[in-house]
Amino acid sequence: QVQLVESGGGLVQAGGSLRLSCAASGRTLSNYNMGWFRQAPGKEREFVARISRFGGSTVYADSVKGRFTISRDNAKNTLYLQMNSLKPEDTAVYYCAAREFGATADPRDYDYWGQGTQVTVSS
């Protein structure tokens, strides 16, 4: 079992940047495919980005493509989401998630979740 803790959220003006981190403990991060998801009030949890175990494959939601970058540093057991050119519609709670076998964009396929970190983008 792996434990995940997100950090780096906060309040930022539109056009600004944030970097989210997801620290893993209990197991080595390289055992897992990782994903970032987000959930805004009244909305279902949606896929943001995913990355394969060793970073060789990344996939992004159309809404963030070209603005967000998912990366991982397995030596530090940490997953990152660099968010640039932030928009008010990016406001949500952001979650990292882990899955041992296979990469997927479906949140129901992930076994381990962090508690989330709030990202608020002002106009």
N, C-alpha and C. Protein backbone atom coordinates (compact mmCIF):
# COMPACT_ATOMS: atom_id res chain seq x y z
N GLN A 1 0.84 -1.18 0.00
CA GLN A 1 0.00 0.00 0.00
C GLN A 1 0.89 1.24 0.00
N VAL A 2 0.47 2.24 -0.74
CA VAL A 2 1.20 3.49 -0.83
C VAL A 2 0.32 4.62 -0.29
N GLN A 3 0.94 5.54 0.41
CA GLN A 3 0.24 6.72 0.89
C GLN A 3 0.67 7.93 0.05
N LEU A 4 -0.28 8.79 -0.27
CA LEU A 4 -0.02 9.92 -1.14
C LEU A 4 -0.46 11.20 -0.46
N VAL A 5 0.37 12.23 -0.54
CA VAL A 5 0.07 13.52 0.05
C VAL A 5 0.37 14.61 -0.97
N GLU A 6 -0.65 15.37 -1.34
CA GLU A 6 -0.49 16.47 -2.27
C GLU A 6 -0.11 17.75 -1.53
N SER A 7 0.60 18.61 -2.23
CA SER A 7 0.92 19.92 -1.70
C SER A 7 1.14 20.88 -2.87
N GLY A 8 1.21 22.15 -2.56
CA GLY A 8 1.52 23.15 -3.57
C GLY A 8 0.34 23.95 -4.07
N GLY A 9 -0.86 23.60 -3.65
CA GLY A 9 -2.02 24.36 -4.06
C GLY A 9 -2.05 25.72 -3.40
N GLY A 10 -2.93 26.56 -3.89
CA GLY A 10 -3.06 27.89 -3.34
C GLY A 10 -3.87 28.78 -4.24
N LEU A 11 -3.76 30.05 -3.99
CA LEU A 11 -4.46 31.08 -4.75
C LEU A 11 -3.49 31.74 -5.72
N VAL A 12 -3.90 31.84 -6.96
CA VAL A 12 -3.06 32.45 -7.97
C VAL A 12 -3.94 33.24 -8.93
N GLN A 13 -3.39 34.30 -9.47
CA GLN A 13 -4.11 35.09 -10.46
C GLN A 13 -4.10 34.39 -11.82
N ALA A 14 -5.12 34.66 -12.60
CA ALA A 14 -5.17 34.12 -13.96
C ALA A 14 -3.89 34.46 -14.71
N GLY A 15 -3.39 33.47 -15.42
CA GLY A 15 -2.13 33.63 -16.13
C GLY A 15 -0.92 33.21 -15.34
N GLY A 16 -1.09 32.97 -14.05
CA GLY A 16 0.01 32.58 -13.20
C GLY A 16 0.28 31.10 -13.25
N SER A 17 1.20 30.68 -12.40
CA SER A 17 1.65 29.29 -12.39
C SER A 17 1.69 28.74 -10.98
N LEU A 18 1.50 27.44 -10.89
CA LEU A 18 1.68 26.69 -9.66
C LEU A 18 2.30 25.36 -9.99
N ARG A 19 3.04 24.81 -9.05
CA ARG A 19 3.53 23.45 -9.18
C ARG A 19 3.01 22.62 -8.03
N LEU A 20 2.24 21.61 -8.35
CA LEU A 20 1.73 20.69 -7.36
C LEU A 20 2.69 19.53 -7.20
N SER A 21 2.80 19.05 -5.99
CA SER A 21 3.62 17.88 -5.70
C SER A 21 2.77 16.82 -5.03
N CYS A 22 3.13 15.58 -5.25
CA CYS A 22 2.48 14.45 -4.63
C CYS A 22 3.58 13.55 -4.09
N ALA A 23 3.72 13.51 -2.79
CA ALA A 23 4.76 12.71 -2.15
C ALA A 23 4.21 11.35 -1.78
N ALA A 24 4.92 10.33 -2.15
CA ALA A 24 4.51 8.96 -1.87
C ALA A 24 5.36 8.38 -0.75
N SER A 25 4.73 7.59 0.07
CA SER A 25 5.44 6.88 1.13
C SER A 25 4.85 5.49 1.28
N GLY A 26 5.58 4.63 1.92
CA GLY A 26 5.13 3.27 2.14
C GLY A 26 5.59 2.30 1.06
N ARG A 27 5.64 2.77 -0.17
CA ARG A 27 6.11 1.99 -1.30
C ARG A 27 6.86 2.90 -2.26
N THR A 28 7.66 2.29 -3.10
CA THR A 28 8.42 3.04 -4.08
C THR A 28 7.52 3.54 -5.20
N LEU A 29 7.65 4.81 -5.54
CA LEU A 29 6.77 5.41 -6.53
C LEU A 29 6.86 4.72 -7.89
N SER A 30 8.02 4.21 -8.24
CA SER A 30 8.21 3.59 -9.54
C SER A 30 7.36 2.33 -9.74
N ASN A 31 6.76 1.83 -8.69
CA ASN A 31 5.85 0.70 -8.81
C ASN A 31 4.52 1.07 -9.45
N TYR A 32 4.26 2.37 -9.60
CA TYR A 32 2.92 2.81 -9.93
C TYR A 32 2.86 3.72 -11.14
N ASN A 33 1.84 3.50 -11.94
CA ASN A 33 1.38 4.52 -12.86
C ASN A 33 0.66 5.58 -12.04
N MET A 34 0.82 6.84 -12.44
CA MET A 34 0.29 7.93 -11.64
C MET A 34 -0.61 8.83 -12.48
N GLY A 35 -1.57 9.42 -11.81
CA GLY A 35 -2.46 10.35 -12.48
C GLY A 35 -2.79 11.54 -11.60
N TRP A 36 -3.13 12.63 -12.25
CA TRP A 36 -3.70 13.80 -11.59
C TRP A 36 -5.14 13.94 -12.03
N PHE A 37 -6.00 14.20 -11.07
CA PHE A 37 -7.42 14.43 -11.31
C PHE A 37 -7.83 15.69 -10.57
N ARG A 38 -8.96 16.24 -10.95
CA ARG A 38 -9.46 17.41 -10.24
C ARG A 38 -10.97 17.35 -10.13
N GLN A 39 -11.48 18.04 -9.14
CA GLN A 39 -12.91 18.06 -8.91
C GLN A 39 -13.33 19.44 -8.43
N ALA A 40 -14.22 20.05 -9.18
CA ALA A 40 -14.79 21.33 -8.83
C ALA A 40 -16.15 21.11 -8.18
N PRO A 41 -16.63 22.06 -7.39
CA PRO A 41 -17.95 21.90 -6.77
C PRO A 41 -19.04 21.63 -7.80
N GLY A 42 -19.85 20.62 -7.53
CA GLY A 42 -20.93 20.27 -8.42
C GLY A 42 -20.52 19.48 -9.64
N LYS A 43 -19.24 19.15 -9.76
CA LYS A 43 -18.74 18.41 -10.91
C LYS A 43 -18.19 17.06 -10.47
N GLU A 44 -18.18 16.13 -11.40
CA GLU A 44 -17.56 14.85 -11.12
C GLU A 44 -16.04 14.99 -11.23
N ARG A 45 -15.36 14.07 -10.61
CA ARG A 45 -13.91 14.08 -10.69
C ARG A 45 -13.47 13.82 -12.12
N GLU A 46 -12.59 14.66 -12.63
CA GLU A 46 -12.18 14.55 -14.02
C GLU A 46 -10.68 14.33 -14.15
N PHE A 47 -10.35 13.67 -15.20
CA PHE A 47 -8.96 13.38 -15.53
C PHE A 47 -8.24 14.64 -15.96
N VAL A 48 -7.01 14.79 -15.48
CA VAL A 48 -6.16 15.90 -15.87
C VAL A 48 -4.95 15.42 -16.67
N ALA A 49 -4.21 14.49 -16.11
CA ALA A 49 -3.01 13.99 -16.76
C ALA A 49 -2.60 12.67 -16.14
N ARG A 50 -1.87 11.87 -16.89
CA ARG A 50 -1.32 10.64 -16.36
C ARG A 50 0.08 10.42 -16.90
N ILE A 51 0.83 9.59 -16.20
CA ILE A 51 2.20 9.32 -16.57
C ILE A 51 2.52 7.88 -16.23
N SER A 52 3.26 7.23 -17.10
CA SER A 52 3.61 5.84 -16.89
C SER A 52 4.68 5.72 -15.81
N ARG A 53 4.99 4.50 -15.45
CA ARG A 53 5.82 4.23 -14.28
C ARG A 53 7.17 4.92 -14.30
N PHE A 54 7.77 4.99 -15.47
CA PHE A 54 9.10 5.59 -15.57
C PHE A 54 9.10 6.87 -16.40
N GLY A 55 7.93 7.42 -16.63
CA GLY A 55 7.82 8.70 -17.29
C GLY A 55 7.86 8.67 -18.80
N GLY A 56 7.87 7.48 -19.39
CA GLY A 56 8.00 7.38 -20.83
C GLY A 56 6.76 7.75 -21.61
N SER A 57 5.63 7.77 -20.96
CA SER A 57 4.37 8.07 -21.62
C SER A 57 3.57 9.04 -20.77
N THR A 58 3.10 10.11 -21.39
CA THR A 58 2.23 11.06 -20.70
C THR A 58 1.01 11.35 -21.56
N VAL A 59 -0.11 11.57 -20.90
CA VAL A 59 -1.36 11.87 -21.57
C VAL A 59 -2.04 12.99 -20.80
N TYR A 60 -2.63 13.94 -21.54
CA TYR A 60 -3.27 15.09 -20.94
C TYR A 60 -4.70 15.22 -21.41
N ALA A 61 -5.53 15.74 -20.53
CA ALA A 61 -6.86 16.15 -20.95
C ALA A 61 -6.74 17.32 -21.91
N ASP A 62 -7.67 17.40 -22.86
CA ASP A 62 -7.64 18.48 -23.83
C ASP A 62 -7.67 19.85 -23.17
N SER A 63 -8.36 19.95 -22.05
CA SER A 63 -8.52 21.23 -21.40
C SER A 63 -7.23 21.80 -20.83
N VAL A 64 -6.23 20.95 -20.61
CA VAL A 64 -4.98 21.42 -20.02
C VAL A 64 -3.79 21.24 -20.94
N LYS A 65 -3.99 20.63 -22.08
CA LYS A 65 -2.90 20.35 -23.00
C LYS A 65 -2.19 21.64 -23.41
N GLY A 66 -0.89 21.62 -23.33
CA GLY A 66 -0.10 22.78 -23.67
C GLY A 66 0.14 23.73 -22.52
N ARG A 67 -0.58 23.55 -21.43
CA ARG A 67 -0.42 24.42 -20.26
C ARG A 67 0.13 23.68 -19.05
N PHE A 68 -0.25 22.42 -18.90
CA PHE A 68 0.17 21.62 -17.75
C PHE A 68 1.20 20.60 -18.18
N THR A 69 2.09 20.27 -17.27
CA THR A 69 3.09 19.24 -17.51
C THR A 69 3.15 18.30 -16.31
N ILE A 70 2.93 17.03 -16.56
CA ILE A 70 3.07 16.04 -15.51
C ILE A 70 4.47 15.44 -15.58
N SER A 71 5.08 15.23 -14.44
CA SER A 71 6.40 14.64 -14.39
C SER A 71 6.55 13.87 -13.09
N ARG A 72 7.60 13.11 -13.01
CA ARG A 72 7.84 12.36 -11.79
C ARG A 72 9.33 12.25 -11.55
N ASP A 73 9.69 12.18 -10.29
CA ASP A 73 11.06 11.93 -9.87
C ASP A 73 10.99 10.73 -8.94
N ASN A 74 11.20 9.57 -9.52
CA ASN A 74 11.06 8.35 -8.74
C ASN A 74 12.09 8.25 -7.62
N ALA A 75 13.27 8.84 -7.82
CA ALA A 75 14.28 8.83 -6.78
C ALA A 75 13.82 9.58 -5.54
N LYS A 76 12.95 10.57 -5.73
CA LYS A 76 12.41 11.34 -4.62
C LYS A 76 11.00 10.89 -4.24
N ASN A 77 10.51 9.86 -4.90
CA ASN A 77 9.16 9.36 -4.65
C ASN A 77 8.11 10.48 -4.75
N THR A 78 8.26 11.30 -5.78
CA THR A 78 7.40 12.46 -5.92
C THR A 78 6.88 12.61 -7.34
N LEU A 79 5.61 12.91 -7.44
CA LEU A 79 4.93 13.24 -8.69
C LEU A 79 4.67 14.73 -8.71
N TYR A 80 4.76 15.34 -9.90
CA TYR A 80 4.56 16.77 -10.03
C TYR A 80 3.52 17.09 -11.09
N LEU A 81 2.90 18.23 -10.92
CA LEU A 81 2.08 18.81 -11.97
C LEU A 81 2.42 20.29 -12.05
N GLN A 82 3.12 20.66 -13.10
CA GLN A 82 3.42 22.06 -13.36
C GLN A 82 2.26 22.67 -14.12
N MET A 83 1.67 23.70 -13.58
CA MET A 83 0.51 24.33 -14.17
C MET A 83 0.86 25.77 -14.54
N ASN A 84 0.83 26.05 -15.81
CA ASN A 84 1.11 27.39 -16.32
C ASN A 84 -0.13 27.96 -16.99
N SER A 85 -0.11 29.26 -17.18
CA SER A 85 -1.22 29.95 -17.84
C SER A 85 -2.56 29.56 -17.24
N LEU A 86 -2.63 29.61 -15.94
CA LEU A 86 -3.82 29.16 -15.24
C LEU A 86 -5.02 30.03 -15.55
N LYS A 87 -6.17 29.38 -15.62
CA LYS A 87 -7.44 30.03 -15.90
C LYS A 87 -8.39 29.83 -14.74
N PRO A 88 -9.36 30.72 -14.57
CA PRO A 88 -10.34 30.52 -13.50
C PRO A 88 -11.02 29.16 -13.55
N GLU A 89 -11.24 28.62 -14.73
CA GLU A 89 -11.87 27.32 -14.84
C GLU A 89 -10.99 26.16 -14.38
N ASP A 90 -9.73 26.44 -14.08
CA ASP A 90 -8.86 25.43 -13.49
C ASP A 90 -9.09 25.28 -11.98
N THR A 91 -9.88 26.15 -11.41
CA THR A 91 -10.15 26.10 -9.98
C THR A 91 -10.81 24.78 -9.61
N ALA A 92 -10.20 24.07 -8.68
CA ALA A 92 -10.69 22.76 -8.27
C ALA A 92 -9.80 22.23 -7.17
N VAL A 93 -10.23 21.14 -6.57
CA VAL A 93 -9.35 20.36 -5.71
C VAL A 93 -8.63 19.36 -6.60
N TYR A 94 -7.32 19.35 -6.50
CA TYR A 94 -6.51 18.47 -7.32
C TYR A 94 -6.02 17.28 -6.51
N TYR A 95 -6.15 16.09 -7.09
CA TYR A 95 -5.79 14.85 -6.43
C TYR A 95 -4.76 14.10 -7.26
N CYS A 96 -3.82 13.49 -6.59
CA CYS A 96 -2.97 12.52 -7.26
C CYS A 96 -3.47 11.13 -6.92
N ALA A 97 -3.19 10.19 -7.81
CA ALA A 97 -3.66 8.83 -7.65
C ALA A 97 -2.65 7.86 -8.22
N ALA A 98 -2.66 6.65 -7.70
CA ALA A 98 -1.70 5.63 -8.10
C ALA A 98 -2.39 4.34 -8.47
N ARG A 99 -1.82 3.69 -9.48
CA ARG A 99 -2.30 2.39 -9.94
C ARG A 99 -1.10 1.56 -10.33
N GLU A 100 -1.04 0.33 -9.87
CA GLU A 100 0.15 -0.47 -10.10
C GLU A 100 0.28 -0.93 -11.54
N PHE A 101 -0.79 -1.40 -12.14
CA PHE A 101 -0.72 -2.01 -13.46
C PHE A 101 -1.54 -1.23 -14.47
N GLY A 102 -0.85 -0.71 -15.46
CA GLY A 102 -1.50 -0.03 -16.55
C GLY A 102 -1.84 1.42 -16.24
N ALA A 103 -1.83 2.23 -17.27
CA ALA A 103 -2.19 3.63 -17.16
C ALA A 103 -3.61 3.82 -17.67
N THR A 104 -4.36 4.64 -16.99
CA THR A 104 -5.76 4.85 -17.34
C THR A 104 -6.18 6.26 -16.97
N ALA A 105 -7.21 6.73 -17.65
CA ALA A 105 -7.77 8.04 -17.37
C ALA A 105 -9.04 7.97 -16.52
N ASP A 106 -9.46 6.77 -16.17
CA ASP A 106 -10.67 6.58 -15.40
C ASP A 106 -10.34 6.59 -13.91
N PRO A 107 -10.87 7.54 -13.15
CA PRO A 107 -10.53 7.58 -11.72
C PRO A 107 -10.94 6.34 -10.97
N ARG A 108 -11.94 5.62 -11.46
CA ARG A 108 -12.38 4.40 -10.78
C ARG A 108 -11.36 3.28 -10.86
N ASP A 109 -10.40 3.41 -11.75
CA ASP A 109 -9.37 2.39 -11.92
C ASP A 109 -8.19 2.57 -10.98
N TYR A 110 -8.14 3.66 -10.26
CA TYR A 110 -7.02 3.95 -9.38
C TYR A 110 -7.29 3.45 -7.97
N ASP A 111 -6.26 2.91 -7.36
CA ASP A 111 -6.40 2.26 -6.07
C ASP A 111 -6.06 3.15 -4.89
N TYR A 112 -5.19 4.12 -5.10
CA TYR A 112 -4.70 4.94 -4.01
C TYR A 112 -4.84 6.41 -4.36
N TRP A 113 -5.28 7.18 -3.39
CA TRP A 113 -5.55 8.60 -3.59
C TRP A 113 -5.00 9.43 -2.45
N GLY A 114 -4.56 10.63 -2.80
CA GLY A 114 -4.24 11.61 -1.78
C GLY A 114 -5.49 12.33 -1.32
N GLN A 115 -5.32 13.25 -0.38
CA GLN A 115 -6.44 13.99 0.17
C GLN A 115 -6.82 15.21 -0.65
N GLY A 116 -5.98 15.59 -1.57
CA GLY A 116 -6.28 16.71 -2.44
C GLY A 116 -5.67 18.01 -1.96
N THR A 117 -5.46 18.91 -2.90
CA THR A 117 -4.99 20.25 -2.59
C THR A 117 -5.78 21.25 -3.42
N GLN A 118 -6.20 22.32 -2.78
CA GLN A 118 -7.07 23.30 -3.43
C GLN A 118 -6.26 24.23 -4.31
N VAL A 119 -6.72 24.40 -5.53
CA VAL A 119 -6.17 25.39 -6.45
C VAL A 119 -7.28 26.36 -6.79
N THR A 120 -7.04 27.63 -6.53
CA THR A 120 -8.01 28.67 -6.83
C THR A 120 -7.35 29.70 -7.73
N VAL A 121 -7.97 29.95 -8.87
CA VAL A 121 -7.44 30.90 -9.84
C VAL A 121 -8.41 32.06 -9.92
N SER A 122 -7.95 33.24 -9.59
CA SER A 122 -8.78 34.43 -9.60
C SER A 122 -8.71 35.11 -10.96
N SER A 123 -9.75 35.88 -11.26
CA SER A 123 -9.82 36.58 -12.54
C SER A 123 -8.84 37.72 -12.60
